[in-house]
N, C-alpha and C. Protein backbone atom coordinates (compact mmCIF):
# COMPACT_ATOMS: atom_id res chain seq x y z
N MET A 1 7.99 16.26 42.63
CA MET A 1 8.01 15.29 41.61
C MET A 1 7.92 13.85 42.26
N GLN A 2 7.06 13.07 41.70
CA GLN A 2 6.97 11.68 42.17
C GLN A 2 6.93 10.72 40.97
N ARG A 3 7.31 9.53 41.26
CA ARG A 3 7.25 8.45 40.29
C ARG A 3 6.10 7.55 40.56
N ILE A 4 5.27 7.29 39.44
CA ILE A 4 4.08 6.50 39.58
C ILE A 4 4.09 5.49 38.46
N ASP A 5 3.67 4.30 38.76
CA ASP A 5 3.52 3.25 37.66
C ASP A 5 2.08 3.51 37.12
N VAL A 6 1.97 3.63 35.80
CA VAL A 6 0.71 3.87 35.17
C VAL A 6 0.35 2.63 34.31
N LEU A 7 -0.80 2.03 34.57
CA LEU A 7 -1.19 0.82 33.79
C LEU A 7 -2.38 1.16 32.91
N TYR A 8 -2.33 0.62 31.69
CA TYR A 8 -3.38 0.80 30.70
C TYR A 8 -4.05 -0.51 30.35
N PHE A 9 -5.36 -0.59 30.31
CA PHE A 9 -6.09 -1.79 29.96
C PHE A 9 -7.03 -1.63 28.84
N ALA A 10 -7.28 -2.74 28.17
CA ALA A 10 -8.22 -2.78 27.02
C ALA A 10 -7.92 -1.80 25.93
N TRP A 11 -8.89 -1.09 25.45
CA TRP A 11 -8.61 -0.11 24.34
C TRP A 11 -7.71 1.08 24.69
N VAL A 12 -7.59 1.32 25.97
CA VAL A 12 -6.69 2.39 26.43
C VAL A 12 -5.27 1.94 26.06
N ARG A 13 -4.93 0.69 26.42
CA ARG A 13 -3.64 0.15 26.09
C ARG A 13 -3.37 0.07 24.60
N GLU A 14 -4.42 -0.30 23.86
CA GLU A 14 -4.33 -0.33 22.37
C GLU A 14 -4.02 1.07 21.76
N ARG A 15 -4.69 2.09 22.25
CA ARG A 15 -4.44 3.41 21.74
C ARG A 15 -3.09 3.95 22.05
N ILE A 16 -2.64 3.68 23.33
CA ILE A 16 -1.41 4.23 23.72
C ILE A 16 -0.18 3.31 23.29
N GLY A 17 -0.46 2.06 23.17
CA GLY A 17 0.53 1.12 22.63
C GLY A 17 1.44 0.59 23.76
N LEU A 18 1.11 0.73 25.00
CA LEU A 18 1.84 0.27 26.11
C LEU A 18 1.00 -0.35 27.13
N PRO A 19 1.39 -1.47 27.83
CA PRO A 19 0.53 -1.95 28.92
C PRO A 19 0.76 -1.20 30.22
N ARG A 20 1.99 -0.68 30.35
CA ARG A 20 2.32 0.11 31.57
C ARG A 20 3.56 0.95 31.37
N GLU A 21 3.80 1.89 32.21
CA GLU A 21 5.03 2.76 32.15
C GLU A 21 5.20 3.38 33.51
N ARG A 22 6.42 3.83 33.79
CA ARG A 22 6.60 4.54 35.00
C ARG A 22 6.81 6.01 34.58
N VAL A 23 6.03 6.92 35.19
CA VAL A 23 6.10 8.30 34.80
C VAL A 23 6.54 9.11 36.00
N GLU A 24 7.18 10.22 35.72
CA GLU A 24 7.47 11.27 36.75
C GLU A 24 6.47 12.35 36.58
N THR A 25 5.84 12.75 37.61
CA THR A 25 4.73 13.76 37.53
C THR A 25 4.82 14.76 38.64
N ASP A 26 4.47 16.00 38.35
CA ASP A 26 4.16 17.03 39.37
C ASP A 26 2.67 17.14 39.67
N ALA A 27 1.87 16.34 39.00
CA ALA A 27 0.38 16.45 39.18
C ALA A 27 -0.01 16.11 40.60
N ALA A 28 -0.98 16.87 41.10
CA ALA A 28 -1.47 16.61 42.48
C ALA A 28 -2.70 15.76 42.39
N THR A 29 -3.38 15.58 41.29
CA THR A 29 -4.63 14.76 41.16
C THR A 29 -4.57 13.99 39.93
N VAL A 30 -5.45 13.00 39.86
CA VAL A 30 -5.58 12.13 38.68
C VAL A 30 -5.83 13.00 37.38
N ALA A 31 -6.67 13.99 37.55
CA ALA A 31 -6.98 14.91 36.41
C ALA A 31 -5.70 15.54 35.91
N GLY A 32 -4.87 16.00 36.84
CA GLY A 32 -3.64 16.65 36.49
C GLY A 32 -2.69 15.67 35.75
N LEU A 33 -2.63 14.42 36.21
CA LEU A 33 -1.81 13.37 35.57
C LEU A 33 -2.30 13.13 34.09
N VAL A 34 -3.67 13.06 33.98
CA VAL A 34 -4.23 12.89 32.68
C VAL A 34 -3.86 14.03 31.74
N ALA A 35 -3.92 15.33 32.27
CA ALA A 35 -3.57 16.40 31.42
C ALA A 35 -2.07 16.38 30.97
N GLU A 36 -1.21 15.97 31.89
CA GLU A 36 0.18 15.83 31.52
C GLU A 36 0.39 14.76 30.49
N LEU A 37 -0.34 13.59 30.68
CA LEU A 37 -0.15 12.48 29.70
C LEU A 37 -0.69 12.88 28.28
N ALA A 38 -1.88 13.55 28.29
CA ALA A 38 -2.50 13.94 27.14
C ALA A 38 -1.67 14.91 26.26
N GLU A 39 -0.84 15.77 26.97
CA GLU A 39 0.00 16.66 26.31
C GLU A 39 1.27 15.98 25.65
N ARG A 40 1.59 14.81 26.02
CA ARG A 40 2.79 14.13 25.53
C ARG A 40 2.76 14.03 23.95
N GLU A 41 1.72 13.39 23.46
CA GLU A 41 1.54 13.11 22.06
C GLU A 41 0.19 12.74 21.68
N GLU A 42 -0.14 12.65 20.43
CA GLU A 42 -1.49 12.41 19.92
C GLU A 42 -2.18 11.17 20.42
N ARG A 43 -1.37 10.08 20.55
CA ARG A 43 -1.94 8.82 21.04
C ARG A 43 -2.47 8.89 22.41
N TYR A 44 -1.78 9.66 23.30
CA TYR A 44 -2.25 9.85 24.63
C TYR A 44 -3.50 10.80 24.63
N ALA A 45 -3.45 11.81 23.79
CA ALA A 45 -4.58 12.70 23.71
C ALA A 45 -5.84 11.96 23.25
N LEU A 46 -5.67 11.05 22.32
CA LEU A 46 -6.80 10.26 21.91
C LEU A 46 -7.35 9.29 22.97
N ALA A 47 -6.44 8.71 23.66
CA ALA A 47 -6.90 7.82 24.71
C ALA A 47 -7.67 8.49 25.82
N PHE A 48 -7.25 9.74 26.12
CA PHE A 48 -7.91 10.54 27.23
C PHE A 48 -8.83 11.56 26.79
N ALA A 49 -9.31 11.50 25.56
CA ALA A 49 -10.11 12.51 24.96
C ALA A 49 -11.50 12.56 25.67
N ASP A 50 -12.03 11.42 26.11
CA ASP A 50 -13.33 11.35 26.71
C ASP A 50 -13.29 10.67 28.02
N LEU A 51 -13.12 11.34 29.07
CA LEU A 51 -12.97 10.80 30.43
C LEU A 51 -14.22 10.10 30.90
N THR A 52 -15.40 10.43 30.34
CA THR A 52 -16.61 9.74 30.75
C THR A 52 -16.53 8.27 30.34
N SER A 53 -15.65 7.86 29.45
CA SER A 53 -15.54 6.46 28.97
C SER A 53 -14.40 5.76 29.68
N LEU A 54 -13.84 6.38 30.75
CA LEU A 54 -12.76 5.72 31.45
C LEU A 54 -13.05 5.70 33.00
N ARG A 55 -12.41 4.66 33.56
CA ARG A 55 -12.43 4.55 34.97
C ARG A 55 -10.92 4.52 35.44
N VAL A 56 -10.74 4.88 36.77
CA VAL A 56 -9.40 4.92 37.26
C VAL A 56 -9.34 4.16 38.64
N ALA A 57 -8.22 3.55 38.88
CA ALA A 57 -8.01 2.92 40.25
C ALA A 57 -6.64 3.46 40.72
N LEU A 58 -6.56 3.74 41.93
CA LEU A 58 -5.31 4.19 42.61
C LEU A 58 -4.93 3.07 43.55
N ASP A 59 -3.79 2.49 43.34
CA ASP A 59 -3.29 1.35 44.18
C ASP A 59 -4.40 0.29 44.30
N GLN A 60 -5.09 0.03 43.25
CA GLN A 60 -6.09 -1.04 43.09
C GLN A 60 -7.40 -0.71 43.81
N GLU A 61 -7.60 0.58 44.05
CA GLU A 61 -8.92 0.98 44.61
C GLU A 61 -9.59 2.00 43.69
N LEU A 62 -10.82 1.77 43.36
CA LEU A 62 -11.51 2.69 42.43
C LEU A 62 -11.50 4.11 42.99
N ALA A 63 -11.31 5.10 42.15
CA ALA A 63 -11.23 6.48 42.51
C ALA A 63 -11.88 7.33 41.40
N ASP A 64 -11.85 8.66 41.64
CA ASP A 64 -12.40 9.54 40.61
C ASP A 64 -11.21 10.43 40.13
N PHE A 65 -11.46 11.11 39.18
CA PHE A 65 -10.40 11.94 38.45
C PHE A 65 -9.94 13.13 39.31
N GLY A 66 -10.70 13.47 40.31
CA GLY A 66 -10.35 14.51 41.28
C GLY A 66 -9.52 14.06 42.45
N ALA A 67 -9.27 12.72 42.53
CA ALA A 67 -8.54 12.12 43.66
C ALA A 67 -7.12 12.61 43.67
N SER A 68 -6.61 12.71 44.92
CA SER A 68 -5.17 13.10 45.13
C SER A 68 -4.23 11.96 44.79
N LEU A 69 -3.08 12.31 44.28
CA LEU A 69 -2.06 11.32 43.95
C LEU A 69 -1.00 11.22 45.09
N GLU A 70 -1.22 11.96 46.20
CA GLU A 70 -0.28 11.90 47.30
C GLU A 70 -0.13 10.48 47.82
N GLY A 71 1.09 9.98 47.79
CA GLY A 71 1.39 8.61 48.35
C GLY A 71 0.93 7.47 47.39
N VAL A 72 0.40 7.77 46.23
CA VAL A 72 -0.03 6.82 45.28
C VAL A 72 1.17 6.18 44.59
N ARG A 73 1.22 4.87 44.40
CA ARG A 73 2.33 4.20 43.70
C ARG A 73 1.88 3.75 42.31
N GLU A 74 0.54 3.38 42.19
CA GLU A 74 0.03 2.86 40.92
C GLU A 74 -1.28 3.44 40.55
N VAL A 75 -1.35 3.89 39.28
CA VAL A 75 -2.61 4.37 38.71
C VAL A 75 -2.99 3.50 37.53
N ALA A 76 -4.22 3.02 37.47
CA ALA A 76 -4.68 2.15 36.40
C ALA A 76 -5.79 2.85 35.64
N PHE A 77 -5.79 2.88 34.34
CA PHE A 77 -6.91 3.38 33.50
C PHE A 77 -7.50 2.25 32.71
N PHE A 78 -8.84 2.18 32.73
CA PHE A 78 -9.55 1.07 32.06
C PHE A 78 -10.96 1.58 31.68
N PRO A 79 -11.58 0.92 30.67
CA PRO A 79 -13.01 1.24 30.37
C PRO A 79 -13.96 0.71 31.49
N PRO A 80 -15.19 1.27 31.54
CA PRO A 80 -16.11 0.68 32.51
C PRO A 80 -16.35 -0.78 32.27
N MET A 81 -16.50 -1.49 33.29
CA MET A 81 -16.76 -2.90 33.21
C MET A 81 -18.24 -3.22 33.04
N THR A 82 -18.47 -4.19 32.12
CA THR A 82 -19.83 -4.64 31.92
C THR A 82 -19.84 -6.14 32.24
N GLY A 83 -20.92 -6.64 32.49
CA GLY A 83 -20.94 -8.12 32.80
C GLY A 83 -22.25 -8.60 33.20
N GLY A 84 -22.27 -9.87 33.39
CA GLY A 84 -23.56 -10.46 33.85
C GLY A 84 -23.31 -11.68 34.54
């Protein structure tokens, strides 16, 4: 079991209703953490329903959903960035 700070940005934060929280997880990967969060309640399930519309960063480094959580202190979820 490890404690990880989870940050939510943009519409992810709006759907979940929190900007951040500290979670205890047994998950080995980002995908495992997402599965745990989605099982909590409907607002999490809705936020994580379509992973193709989400990006993730581990300790402020872009990662993918298969990435290991070993040693990670912070996970951030946000929509893809657009810009010009």
